[in-house]
Amino acid sequence: MAKKNQNIIQRNRQQAFLAQSKLCYYCNQPMWEKDINSFITQYQVKPISAKFLQCTAEHLTARKDGGKNIRTNIVAACKYCNHTRHKSTNALNPEDYKKRVQKHLSKNKWHQIVLNPLPAMKALN
């Protein structure tokens, strides 16, 4: 992939990451972008679990299906959700996949990492 395209994807991913309050588009769990050690300390999660929650650029319409590297087609998703969606040969559309993830989360049958998105706020109270 050309460096220019990679830079565009990274910029759009970072904008989505911030716009989504650093939460995964699908599972709504906190993600980290650059500093895994701060994330591990903040959420007191094991490194193996933290790796699943690394922020990735998720193309709502996959590039193989004609999706572009534009801001409106890229959201921030944790590595687990992104990779799991695309493991299937017939990946669900983003909204159906989001519903599936939420259903599995409610039964604790997803990645089984449930973090409080605002742990720092508890410390302030």
N, C-alpha and C. Protein backbone atom coordinates (compact mmCIF):
# COMPACT_ATOMS: atom_id res chain seq x y z
N MET A 1 0.85 -1.17 0.00
CA MET A 1 0.00 0.00 0.00
C MET A 1 0.90 1.23 0.00
N ALA A 2 0.56 2.19 -0.80
CA ALA A 2 1.35 3.40 -0.91
C ALA A 2 1.35 4.15 0.42
N LYS A 3 2.48 4.80 0.70
CA LYS A 3 2.63 5.53 1.96
C LYS A 3 1.55 6.61 2.10
N LYS A 4 1.20 7.28 1.01
CA LYS A 4 0.18 8.32 1.05
C LYS A 4 -1.16 7.75 1.53
N ASN A 5 -1.56 6.59 0.97
CA ASN A 5 -2.80 5.95 1.40
C ASN A 5 -2.75 5.54 2.86
N GLN A 6 -1.60 5.01 3.30
CA GLN A 6 -1.44 4.60 4.69
C GLN A 6 -1.58 5.80 5.61
N ASN A 7 -1.01 6.93 5.24
CA ASN A 7 -1.12 8.15 6.06
C ASN A 7 -2.57 8.63 6.14
N ILE A 8 -3.30 8.53 5.03
CA ILE A 8 -4.71 8.93 5.02
C ILE A 8 -5.51 8.02 5.95
N ILE A 9 -5.27 6.72 5.87
CA ILE A 9 -5.97 5.77 6.74
C ILE A 9 -5.65 6.06 8.20
N GLN A 10 -4.39 6.28 8.53
CA GLN A 10 -4.00 6.56 9.91
C GLN A 10 -4.66 7.85 10.41
N ARG A 11 -4.69 8.87 9.59
CA ARG A 11 -5.31 10.14 9.99
C ARG A 11 -6.81 9.94 10.21
N ASN A 12 -7.47 9.23 9.31
CA ASN A 12 -8.90 8.99 9.46
C ASN A 12 -9.21 8.10 10.67
N ARG A 13 -8.35 7.12 10.92
CA ARG A 13 -8.51 6.27 12.10
C ARG A 13 -8.39 7.10 13.37
N GLN A 14 -7.39 7.96 13.42
CA GLN A 14 -7.19 8.77 14.62
C GLN A 14 -8.36 9.74 14.84
N GLN A 15 -8.87 10.32 13.78
CA GLN A 15 -10.04 11.20 13.90
C GLN A 15 -11.25 10.43 14.42
N ALA A 16 -11.46 9.22 13.91
CA ALA A 16 -12.57 8.38 14.37
C ALA A 16 -12.36 7.98 15.83
N PHE A 17 -11.15 7.62 16.19
CA PHE A 17 -10.79 7.23 17.56
C PHE A 17 -11.18 8.34 18.53
N LEU A 18 -10.84 9.56 18.21
CA LEU A 18 -11.16 10.69 19.08
C LEU A 18 -12.65 11.00 19.05
N ALA A 19 -13.26 10.97 17.88
CA ALA A 19 -14.70 11.26 17.76
C ALA A 19 -15.54 10.22 18.51
N GLN A 20 -15.06 8.99 18.61
CA GLN A 20 -15.75 7.90 19.31
C GLN A 20 -15.35 7.83 20.78
N SER A 21 -14.73 8.86 21.29
CA SER A 21 -14.28 8.90 22.69
C SER A 21 -13.37 7.74 23.04
N LYS A 22 -12.57 7.30 22.07
CA LYS A 22 -11.59 6.23 22.23
C LYS A 22 -12.24 4.87 22.50
N LEU A 23 -13.49 4.72 22.07
CA LEU A 23 -14.23 3.47 22.27
C LEU A 23 -14.42 2.76 20.94
N CYS A 24 -14.39 1.44 20.97
CA CYS A 24 -14.58 0.62 19.78
C CYS A 24 -15.97 0.86 19.18
N TYR A 25 -16.01 0.98 17.89
CA TYR A 25 -17.27 1.18 17.16
C TYR A 25 -18.25 0.04 17.41
N TYR A 26 -17.76 -1.18 17.58
CA TYR A 26 -18.63 -2.34 17.72
C TYR A 26 -18.92 -2.73 19.17
N CYS A 27 -17.89 -2.84 19.99
CA CYS A 27 -18.09 -3.36 21.35
C CYS A 27 -18.12 -2.26 22.42
N ASN A 28 -17.84 -1.03 22.04
CA ASN A 28 -17.85 0.11 22.95
C ASN A 28 -16.86 -0.01 24.11
N GLN A 29 -15.84 -0.80 23.92
CA GLN A 29 -14.81 -0.92 24.95
C GLN A 29 -13.70 0.09 24.66
N PRO A 30 -13.03 0.56 25.72
CA PRO A 30 -11.91 1.49 25.51
C PRO A 30 -10.82 0.82 24.68
N MET A 31 -10.14 1.65 23.90
CA MET A 31 -9.03 1.16 23.08
C MET A 31 -7.81 2.04 23.34
N TRP A 32 -6.68 1.53 22.92
CA TRP A 32 -5.45 2.33 22.97
C TRP A 32 -4.92 2.48 21.56
N GLU A 33 -4.22 3.57 21.36
CA GLU A 33 -3.71 3.85 20.02
C GLU A 33 -2.20 3.70 19.95
N LYS A 34 -1.47 4.30 20.88
CA LYS A 34 -0.01 4.32 20.79
C LYS A 34 0.70 3.79 22.02
N ASP A 35 0.10 3.91 23.19
CA ASP A 35 0.81 3.60 24.42
C ASP A 35 0.12 2.47 25.20
N ILE A 36 0.52 1.25 24.88
CA ILE A 36 -0.10 0.09 25.53
C ILE A 36 0.17 0.08 27.04
N ASN A 37 1.36 0.53 27.45
CA ASN A 37 1.69 0.48 28.87
C ASN A 37 0.81 1.39 29.71
N SER A 38 0.50 2.58 29.20
CA SER A 38 -0.41 3.48 29.92
C SER A 38 -1.81 2.87 29.99
N PHE A 39 -2.23 2.24 28.91
CA PHE A 39 -3.54 1.58 28.86
C PHE A 39 -3.60 0.46 29.90
N ILE A 40 -2.57 -0.35 29.96
CA ILE A 40 -2.50 -1.46 30.92
C ILE A 40 -2.58 -0.93 32.34
N THR A 41 -1.85 0.13 32.62
CA THR A 41 -1.86 0.73 33.95
C THR A 41 -3.22 1.34 34.27
N GLN A 42 -3.78 2.09 33.33
CA GLN A 42 -5.05 2.76 33.57
C GLN A 42 -6.19 1.77 33.83
N TYR A 43 -6.25 0.71 33.05
CA TYR A 43 -7.36 -0.23 33.15
C TYR A 43 -7.02 -1.50 33.93
N GLN A 44 -5.78 -1.62 34.34
CA GLN A 44 -5.31 -2.78 35.09
C GLN A 44 -5.71 -4.09 34.40
N VAL A 45 -5.30 -4.16 33.14
CA VAL A 45 -5.60 -5.30 32.30
C VAL A 45 -4.29 -5.98 31.92
N LYS A 46 -4.32 -7.26 31.67
CA LYS A 46 -3.13 -7.99 31.28
C LYS A 46 -2.71 -7.59 29.87
N PRO A 47 -1.41 -7.63 29.58
CA PRO A 47 -0.93 -7.25 28.24
C PRO A 47 -1.60 -8.02 27.11
N ILE A 48 -1.87 -9.30 27.29
CA ILE A 48 -2.50 -10.10 26.23
C ILE A 48 -3.91 -9.57 25.93
N SER A 49 -4.63 -9.16 26.97
CA SER A 49 -5.96 -8.58 26.77
C SER A 49 -5.87 -7.22 26.11
N ALA A 50 -4.89 -6.43 26.54
CA ALA A 50 -4.72 -5.08 25.98
C ALA A 50 -4.44 -5.14 24.48
N LYS A 51 -3.72 -6.16 24.04
CA LYS A 51 -3.41 -6.28 22.61
C LYS A 51 -4.68 -6.41 21.77
N PHE A 52 -5.69 -7.08 22.31
CA PHE A 52 -6.96 -7.22 21.59
C PHE A 52 -7.66 -5.87 21.43
N LEU A 53 -7.37 -4.93 22.33
CA LEU A 53 -8.07 -3.65 22.34
C LEU A 53 -7.28 -2.53 21.68
N GLN A 54 -6.31 -2.89 20.88
CA GLN A 54 -5.58 -1.87 20.12
C GLN A 54 -6.50 -1.31 19.04
N CYS A 55 -6.44 -0.01 18.85
CA CYS A 55 -7.27 0.67 17.85
C CYS A 55 -6.80 0.33 16.44
N THR A 56 -7.74 -0.02 15.59
CA THR A 56 -7.46 -0.27 14.18
C THR A 56 -8.43 0.55 13.34
N ALA A 57 -8.09 0.75 12.09
CA ALA A 57 -8.98 1.41 11.15
C ALA A 57 -9.89 0.35 10.54
N GLU A 58 -11.16 0.54 10.70
CA GLU A 58 -12.16 -0.39 10.17
C GLU A 58 -12.88 0.28 9.01
N HIS A 59 -12.76 -0.30 7.84
CA HIS A 59 -13.49 0.20 6.67
C HIS A 59 -14.91 -0.35 6.74
N LEU A 60 -15.90 0.52 6.81
CA LEU A 60 -17.29 0.07 6.88
C LEU A 60 -17.65 -0.71 5.62
N THR A 61 -17.25 -0.19 4.48
CA THR A 61 -17.32 -0.95 3.23
C THR A 61 -15.88 -1.35 2.93
N ALA A 62 -15.64 -2.64 2.93
CA ALA A 62 -14.28 -3.15 2.74
C ALA A 62 -13.68 -2.66 1.43
N ARG A 63 -12.39 -2.48 1.43
CA ARG A 63 -11.70 -2.05 0.20
C ARG A 63 -11.92 -3.05 -0.93
N LYS A 64 -11.95 -4.34 -0.59
CA LYS A 64 -12.16 -5.37 -1.63
C LYS A 64 -13.55 -5.25 -2.26
N ASP A 65 -14.46 -4.56 -1.56
CA ASP A 65 -15.82 -4.35 -2.08
C ASP A 65 -16.00 -2.94 -2.62
N GLY A 66 -14.90 -2.24 -2.83
CA GLY A 66 -14.96 -0.90 -3.39
C GLY A 66 -14.94 0.23 -2.38
N GLY A 67 -14.77 -0.11 -1.10
CA GLY A 67 -14.71 0.92 -0.05
C GLY A 67 -13.48 1.79 -0.20
N LYS A 68 -13.65 3.04 0.07
CA LYS A 68 -12.56 4.02 -0.07
C LYS A 68 -11.93 4.33 1.28
N ASN A 69 -10.76 4.96 1.23
CA ASN A 69 -10.04 5.36 2.43
C ASN A 69 -10.49 6.76 2.87
N ILE A 70 -11.78 7.00 2.84
CA ILE A 70 -12.29 8.32 3.20
C ILE A 70 -12.84 8.31 4.63
N ARG A 71 -12.89 9.49 5.21
CA ARG A 71 -13.30 9.64 6.61
C ARG A 71 -14.65 8.97 6.89
N THR A 72 -15.61 9.12 6.01
CA THR A 72 -16.95 8.58 6.26
C THR A 72 -17.01 7.06 6.14
N ASN A 73 -15.96 6.43 5.63
CA ASN A 73 -15.93 4.98 5.50
C ASN A 73 -15.04 4.32 6.55
N ILE A 74 -14.36 5.11 7.36
CA ILE A 74 -13.42 4.54 8.34
C ILE A 74 -13.88 4.89 9.75
N VAL A 75 -14.01 3.85 10.57
CA VAL A 75 -14.28 4.01 11.99
C VAL A 75 -13.14 3.37 12.76
N ALA A 76 -13.10 3.62 14.06
CA ALA A 76 -12.10 3.02 14.91
C ALA A 76 -12.71 1.78 15.57
N ALA A 77 -12.04 0.65 15.43
CA ALA A 77 -12.52 -0.59 16.03
C ALA A 77 -11.34 -1.30 16.69
N CYS A 78 -11.62 -1.99 17.78
CA CYS A 78 -10.55 -2.74 18.43
C CYS A 78 -10.10 -3.86 17.49
N LYS A 79 -8.89 -4.30 17.69
CA LYS A 79 -8.31 -5.33 16.84
C LYS A 79 -9.17 -6.60 16.82
N TYR A 80 -9.71 -6.96 17.99
CA TYR A 80 -10.52 -8.17 18.07
C TYR A 80 -11.77 -8.06 17.19
N CYS A 81 -12.52 -6.98 17.35
CA CYS A 81 -13.76 -6.82 16.57
C CYS A 81 -13.46 -6.73 15.07
N ASN A 82 -12.45 -5.98 14.72
CA ASN A 82 -12.10 -5.79 13.31
C ASN A 82 -11.73 -7.14 12.68
N HIS A 83 -10.83 -7.85 13.31
CA HIS A 83 -10.37 -9.12 12.73
C HIS A 83 -11.46 -10.18 12.72
N THR A 84 -12.28 -10.19 13.76
CA THR A 84 -13.34 -11.19 13.83
C THR A 84 -14.37 -10.95 12.73
N ARG A 85 -14.70 -9.69 12.47
CA ARG A 85 -15.66 -9.38 11.40
C ARG A 85 -15.16 -9.90 10.06
N HIS A 86 -13.88 -9.76 9.81
CA HIS A 86 -13.35 -10.09 8.49
C HIS A 86 -12.85 -11.52 8.35
N LYS A 87 -12.93 -12.31 9.43
CA LYS A 87 -12.56 -13.73 9.32
C LYS A 87 -13.58 -14.49 8.50
N SER A 88 -14.83 -14.05 8.54
CA SER A 88 -15.89 -14.72 7.81
C SER A 88 -15.76 -14.43 6.32
N THR A 89 -16.08 -15.42 5.50
CA THR A 89 -16.04 -15.20 4.05
C THR A 89 -17.16 -14.26 3.62
N ASN A 90 -18.26 -14.26 4.35
CA ASN A 90 -19.37 -13.35 4.08
C ASN A 90 -19.57 -12.45 5.29
N ALA A 91 -18.71 -11.46 5.42
CA ALA A 91 -18.77 -10.56 6.57
C ALA A 91 -20.10 -9.83 6.61
N LEU A 92 -20.66 -9.72 7.81
CA LEU A 92 -21.90 -8.98 8.00
C LEU A 92 -21.68 -7.50 7.71
N ASN A 93 -22.75 -6.81 7.35
CA ASN A 93 -22.61 -5.36 7.20
C ASN A 93 -22.37 -4.77 8.59
N PRO A 94 -21.80 -3.58 8.67
CA PRO A 94 -21.40 -3.01 9.96
C PRO A 94 -22.51 -2.95 11.01
N GLU A 95 -23.71 -2.56 10.62
CA GLU A 95 -24.80 -2.44 11.61
C GLU A 95 -25.23 -3.80 12.14
N ASP A 96 -25.33 -4.79 11.27
CA ASP A 96 -25.69 -6.13 11.72
C ASP A 96 -24.59 -6.73 12.58
N TYR A 97 -23.35 -6.47 12.21
CA TYR A 97 -22.23 -6.97 13.00
C TYR A 97 -22.22 -6.33 14.38
N LYS A 98 -22.49 -5.03 14.43
CA LYS A 98 -22.54 -4.32 15.71
C LYS A 98 -23.62 -4.93 16.61
N LYS A 99 -24.78 -5.24 16.06
CA LYS A 99 -25.86 -5.88 16.82
C LYS A 99 -25.42 -7.25 17.33
N ARG A 100 -24.72 -7.99 16.47
CA ARG A 100 -24.23 -9.32 16.86
C ARG A 100 -23.24 -9.21 18.01
N VAL A 101 -22.31 -8.27 17.89
CA VAL A 101 -21.31 -8.08 18.94
C VAL A 101 -21.99 -7.71 20.26
N GLN A 102 -22.93 -6.77 20.21
CA GLN A 102 -23.63 -6.35 21.43
C GLN A 102 -24.41 -7.51 22.05
N LYS A 103 -25.02 -8.34 21.23
CA LYS A 103 -25.76 -9.50 21.74
C LYS A 103 -24.80 -10.46 22.45
N HIS A 104 -23.66 -10.73 21.82
CA HIS A 104 -22.68 -11.63 22.44
C HIS A 104 -22.09 -11.02 23.70
N LEU A 105 -21.85 -9.73 23.69
CA LEU A 105 -21.33 -9.06 24.89
C LEU A 105 -22.30 -9.19 26.05
N SER A 106 -23.59 -9.03 25.78
CA SER A 106 -24.59 -9.11 26.85
C SER A 106 -24.61 -10.49 27.50
N LYS A 107 -24.14 -11.51 26.76
CA LYS A 107 -24.09 -12.88 27.29
C LYS A 107 -22.67 -13.24 27.73
N ASN A 108 -21.77 -12.25 27.72
CA ASN A 108 -20.36 -12.46 28.07
C ASN A 108 -19.72 -13.53 27.19
N LYS A 109 -20.07 -13.52 25.89
CA LYS A 109 -19.55 -14.50 24.95
C LYS A 109 -18.82 -13.83 23.79
N TRP A 110 -18.18 -12.72 24.07
CA TRP A 110 -17.40 -12.06 23.03
C TRP A 110 -15.95 -12.18 23.41
N HIS A 111 -15.23 -11.11 23.52
CA HIS A 111 -13.82 -11.20 23.88
C HIS A 111 -13.62 -11.25 25.39
N GLN A 112 -14.69 -11.16 26.15
CA GLN A 112 -14.69 -11.31 27.60
C GLN A 112 -13.77 -10.32 28.29
N ILE A 113 -13.57 -9.16 27.65
CA ILE A 113 -12.82 -8.07 28.26
C ILE A 113 -13.83 -6.94 28.42
N VAL A 114 -14.25 -6.71 29.64
CA VAL A 114 -15.21 -5.64 29.88
C VAL A 114 -14.56 -4.63 30.83
N LEU A 115 -14.30 -3.46 30.27
CA LEU A 115 -13.64 -2.41 31.02
C LEU A 115 -14.59 -1.25 31.23
N ASN A 116 -14.44 -0.57 32.33
CA ASN A 116 -15.19 0.65 32.57
C ASN A 116 -14.55 1.74 31.73
N PRO A 117 -15.28 2.35 30.80
CA PRO A 117 -14.67 3.36 29.93
C PRO A 117 -14.11 4.57 30.66
N LEU A 118 -14.54 4.82 31.89
CA LEU A 118 -14.08 6.01 32.61
C LEU A 118 -13.51 5.68 33.98
N PRO A 119 -12.52 4.79 34.08
CA PRO A 119 -12.00 4.45 35.41
C PRO A 119 -11.36 5.63 36.11
N ALA A 120 -10.80 6.55 35.36
CA ALA A 120 -10.15 7.71 35.97
C ALA A 120 -11.17 8.59 36.67
N MET A 121 -12.41 8.60 36.18
CA MET A 121 -13.43 9.43 36.79
C MET A 121 -13.79 8.91 38.19
N LYS A 122 -13.75 7.60 38.41
CA LYS A 122 -14.04 7.04 39.72
C LYS A 122 -13.03 7.54 40.74
N ALA A 123 -11.78 7.65 40.31
CA ALA A 123 -10.73 8.09 41.23
C ALA A 123 -10.95 9.52 41.68
N LEU A 124 -11.61 10.31 40.85
CA LEU A 124 -11.85 11.71 41.17
C LEU A 124 -13.01 11.89 42.15
N ASN A 125 -13.89 10.91 42.23
CA ASN A 125 -15.07 11.01 43.10
C ASN A 125 -14.77 10.61 44.52
